[in-house]
Protein backbone atom coordinates (compact mmCIF):
# COMPACT_ATOMS: atom_id res chain seq x y z
CA MET A 1 -4.66 5.88 15.00
CA PRO A 2 -0.81 6.01 14.33
CA ALA A 3 1.35 8.47 12.87
CA PRO A 4 3.23 7.67 9.56
CA ALA A 5 6.51 5.58 9.88
CA ARG A 6 9.65 6.61 8.51
CA PRO A 7 9.92 5.78 4.51
CA LEU A 8 11.83 2.52 3.93
CA PRO A 9 15.47 3.33 3.79
CA ALA A 10 17.39 3.96 0.48
CA LEU A 11 19.63 0.79 1.26
CA LEU A 12 16.68 -1.35 1.75
CA ALA A 13 14.47 -0.25 -1.21
CA ALA A 14 17.38 -0.16 -3.53
CA PRO A 15 17.82 -4.46 -4.10
CA LEU A 16 14.35 -4.52 -4.42
CA ALA A 17 14.27 -1.57 -7.15
CA LEU A 18 17.05 -4.19 -9.38
CA LEU A 19 14.24 -6.55 -10.31
CA PRO A 20 12.42 -5.97 -13.26
CA GLY A 21 8.36 -5.15 -12.57
CA GLY A 22 7.16 -8.21 -14.06
CA VAL A 23 9.09 -10.41 -12.18
CA HIS A 24 7.06 -8.18 -8.72
CA SER A 25 3.55 -8.28 -10.81
CA ARG A 26 4.31 -11.74 -11.11
CA LEU A 27 5.06 -12.71 -7.60
CA LEU A 28 2.30 -10.51 -6.15
CA ALA A 29 -0.38 -11.73 -8.90
CA ALA A 30 0.92 -15.75 -7.91
CA ALA A 31 0.41 -14.92 -4.36
CA LEU A 32 -3.02 -12.50 -4.53
CA ASN A 33 -4.68 -15.87 -6.55
CA ARG A 34 -3.50 -18.01 -3.99
CA VAL A 35 -4.99 -16.23 -0.98
CA LEU A 36 -7.71 -14.90 -2.54
CA ALA A 37 -8.44 -18.23 -4.08
CA THR A 38 -12.26 -18.33 -2.29
CA PRO A 39 -13.01 -14.51 -3.66
CA LEU A 40 -11.62 -15.14 -7.35
CA ALA A 41 -13.60 -18.57 -7.76
CA GLU A 42 -17.03 -16.80 -6.00
CA GLY A 43 -16.36 -14.00 -9.22
CA GLU A 44 -15.74 -10.98 -6.63
CA LEU A 45 -13.16 -9.55 -8.41
CA ASP A 46 -14.93 -10.12 -11.88
CA PHE A 47 -15.12 -6.21 -11.51
CA LEU A 48 -11.24 -5.85 -13.23
CA ALA A 49 -12.31 -7.60 -16.39
CA GLY A 50 -10.50 -6.15 -19.01
CA ARG A 51 -9.11 -3.48 -17.08
CA SER A 52 -5.34 -3.09 -15.24
CA LEU A 53 -4.35 -1.62 -12.19
CA SER A 54 -1.11 -0.35 -11.05
CA ILE A 55 -0.22 -0.70 -6.92
CA ARG A 56 3.08 1.64 -6.28
CA VAL A 57 4.84 1.19 -3.57
CA ARG A 58 6.19 4.46 -2.92
CA ASP A 59 9.65 4.39 -1.11
CA ALA A 60 10.20 0.77 -1.83
CA GLY A 61 10.71 1.73 -5.22
CA ILE A 62 8.41 -0.51 -6.87
CA ALA A 63 5.30 -1.23 -8.66
CA PHE A 64 3.52 -3.86 -9.44
CA ARG A 65 1.10 -4.04 -12.31
CA LEU A 66 -1.96 -6.10 -12.24
CA GLY A 67 -5.14 -7.13 -14.40
CA TRP A 68 -7.74 -10.10 -15.01
CA ARG A 69 -8.02 -13.13 -17.21
CA ASP A 70 -9.65 -16.23 -17.21
CA GLY A 71 -10.61 -15.23 -13.73
CA ARG A 72 -7.28 -14.74 -12.24
CA LEU A 73 -4.98 -11.95 -11.62
CA VAL A 74 -1.94 -11.94 -14.13
CA ALA A 75 0.65 -9.40 -14.47
CA GLN A 76 0.78 -7.08 -17.14
CA PRO A 77 3.66 -5.58 -18.80
CA ASP A 78 4.58 -2.15 -18.08
CA GLY A 79 3.76 0.88 -19.95
CA GLY A 80 0.71 2.57 -20.93
CA ARG A 81 -1.94 3.97 -18.23
CA PRO A 82 -3.40 1.55 -15.75
CA ASP A 83 -7.03 2.09 -15.11
CA LEU A 84 -6.31 2.73 -11.45
CA SER A 85 -3.53 3.67 -9.52
CA ILE A 86 -2.75 3.38 -6.10
CA GLU A 87 -0.12 4.51 -4.32
CA ALA A 88 1.45 4.54 -0.04
CA ALA A 89 4.47 4.16 1.73
CA LEU A 90 5.37 0.18 2.66
CA TYR A 91 4.19 1.26 6.04
CA ASP A 92 1.08 2.11 4.91
CA PHE A 93 0.85 -0.44 3.24
CA LEU A 94 1.42 -2.96 5.86
CA MET A 95 -0.91 -1.02 8.02
CA LEU A 96 -4.28 -2.27 5.69
CA ALA A 97 -2.62 -5.81 5.53
CA GLY A 98 -2.87 -6.04 8.94
CA ARG A 99 -6.06 -4.45 9.40
CA ARG A 100 -4.96 -1.69 11.25
CA GLU A 101 -6.13 1.29 9.50
CA ASP A 102 -9.14 1.68 6.72
CA PRO A 103 -8.12 2.68 3.69
CA ASP A 104 -10.33 5.86 4.09
CA THR A 105 -8.70 7.05 6.83
CA LEU A 106 -5.40 7.01 4.88
CA VAL A 107 -7.17 8.61 1.42
CA PHE A 108 -8.16 11.74 3.21
CA GLN A 109 -4.30 11.95 5.40
CA ARG A 110 -3.29 11.46 1.54
CA ARG A 111 -1.07 8.79 2.81
CA LEU A 112 -2.89 6.85 0.22
CA VAL A 113 -3.23 8.29 -3.18
CA MET A 114 -5.74 6.38 -5.67
CA GLN A 115 -5.86 8.08 -9.24
CA GLY A 116 -7.71 7.20 -12.35
CA ASP A 117 -11.09 5.23 -12.74
CA THR A 118 -13.44 6.37 -10.08
CA GLU A 119 -15.49 3.66 -10.49
CA LEU A 120 -13.05 1.03 -10.19
CA GLY A 121 -11.38 2.70 -7.56
CA LEU A 122 -14.65 2.62 -5.46
CA GLU A 123 -15.47 -1.12 -6.69
CA THR A 124 -11.73 -1.55 -4.94
CA LYS A 125 -12.36 -0.42 -2.26
CA ASN A 126 -15.34 -1.72 -1.25
CA PHE A 127 -13.58 -5.60 -1.73
CA LEU A 128 -11.16 -4.93 0.34
CA ASP A 129 -13.30 -3.17 3.11
CA GLY A 130 -15.85 -5.99 2.52
CA LEU A 131 -12.91 -8.61 2.79
CA ASP A 132 -13.74 -11.53 5.65
CA VAL A 133 -10.20 -12.26 6.43
CA GLU A 134 -10.91 -14.72 8.58
CA ALA A 135 -12.52 -16.80 5.78
CA LEU A 136 -9.61 -16.44 3.62
CA ASN A 137 -8.01 -19.59 6.13
CA LEU A 138 -4.54 -18.16 6.01
CA PRO A 139 -2.22 -20.15 8.18
CA ALA A 140 -2.00 -18.66 11.84
CA TRP A 141 1.57 -17.68 10.83
CA CYS A 142 0.69 -15.80 8.23
CA ASP A 143 -2.22 -13.99 10.29
CA LYS A 144 0.19 -13.33 13.00
CA ALA A 145 2.77 -11.80 10.31
CA LEU A 146 0.56 -9.68 8.90
CA GLN A 147 -0.69 -8.05 12.52
CA GLN A 148 3.13 -7.91 13.48
CA ALA A 149 4.46 -6.08 10.59
CA ALA A 150 3.28 -2.75 10.72
CA PRO A 151 4.23 -2.17 14.40
CA ALA A 152 7.77 -4.25 13.81
CA TYR A 153 8.41 -1.68 10.94
CA ARG A 154 7.69 0.85 13.06
CA ARG A 155 10.17 -0.30 15.96
CA LEU A 156 13.00 -0.67 13.43
CA PHE A 157 13.08 2.67 11.67
CA GLY A 158 10.99 5.31 14.32
CA PRO A 159 7.97 7.88 13.41
CA SER A 160 7.89 10.01 10.57
CA PRO A 161 9.59 12.88 12.12
CA THR A 162 7.96 15.57 11.95
CA ARG A 163 8.49 19.45 10.76
CA PHE A 164 9.14 20.69 14.26
CA THR A 165 9.70 18.69 17.78
CA GLU A 166 8.67 20.71 20.71
CA SER A 167 12.08 21.76 21.68
CA ARG A 168 13.11 22.54 17.60
CA LYS A 169 9.94 24.95 17.02
CA PRO A 170 11.09 27.98 15.22
CA GLN A 171 12.13 31.51 17.16
CA TRP A 172 10.23 33.78 15.72
CA PRO A 173 11.36 37.67 16.34
CA THR A 174 9.12 39.10 18.85
CA LYS A 175 7.98 42.82 18.29
CA GLY A 176 10.83 45.22 18.54
CA THR A 177 13.58 42.80 18.29
CA THR A 178 15.60 42.08 15.38
CA SER A 179 17.11 38.59 14.04
CA ARG A 180 20.55 37.67 13.36
């Protein structure tokens, strides 16, 4: 399993944060309604009825607020506490979207944080786990882009720096010596 990548550089995240949250949410809702048309029509997301969901991309400084109305995902206004909050770094969301990592692993590593209604969190996770991506009939270019997004991100920004590398391990004084 790959280690986390570096956070999205602030210079790239800043322009994303300039758009109001409602714009991000409307764009995501429109995209998901299109991509998830079949599961939506089959009622697989009915568990969202009357509930709100917040998805926060930690290092990009953006958050999406989604709800459910008339069988479709809709953007919800900011404010108030969502029923479920999901938070991760951009790289980790890319890993999930490209099916390179499962949600449980990221949750146990505390790279994906879910807070709020436990039942809604489990239903959301189970929906994502059971989603047949091939049945979504994504265009080939889209599927390829999802598969290559996380590796491309990692090549561009590199792995997350570890606290100490082999050459920079702390040198602790040995017994009988003093440090300066």
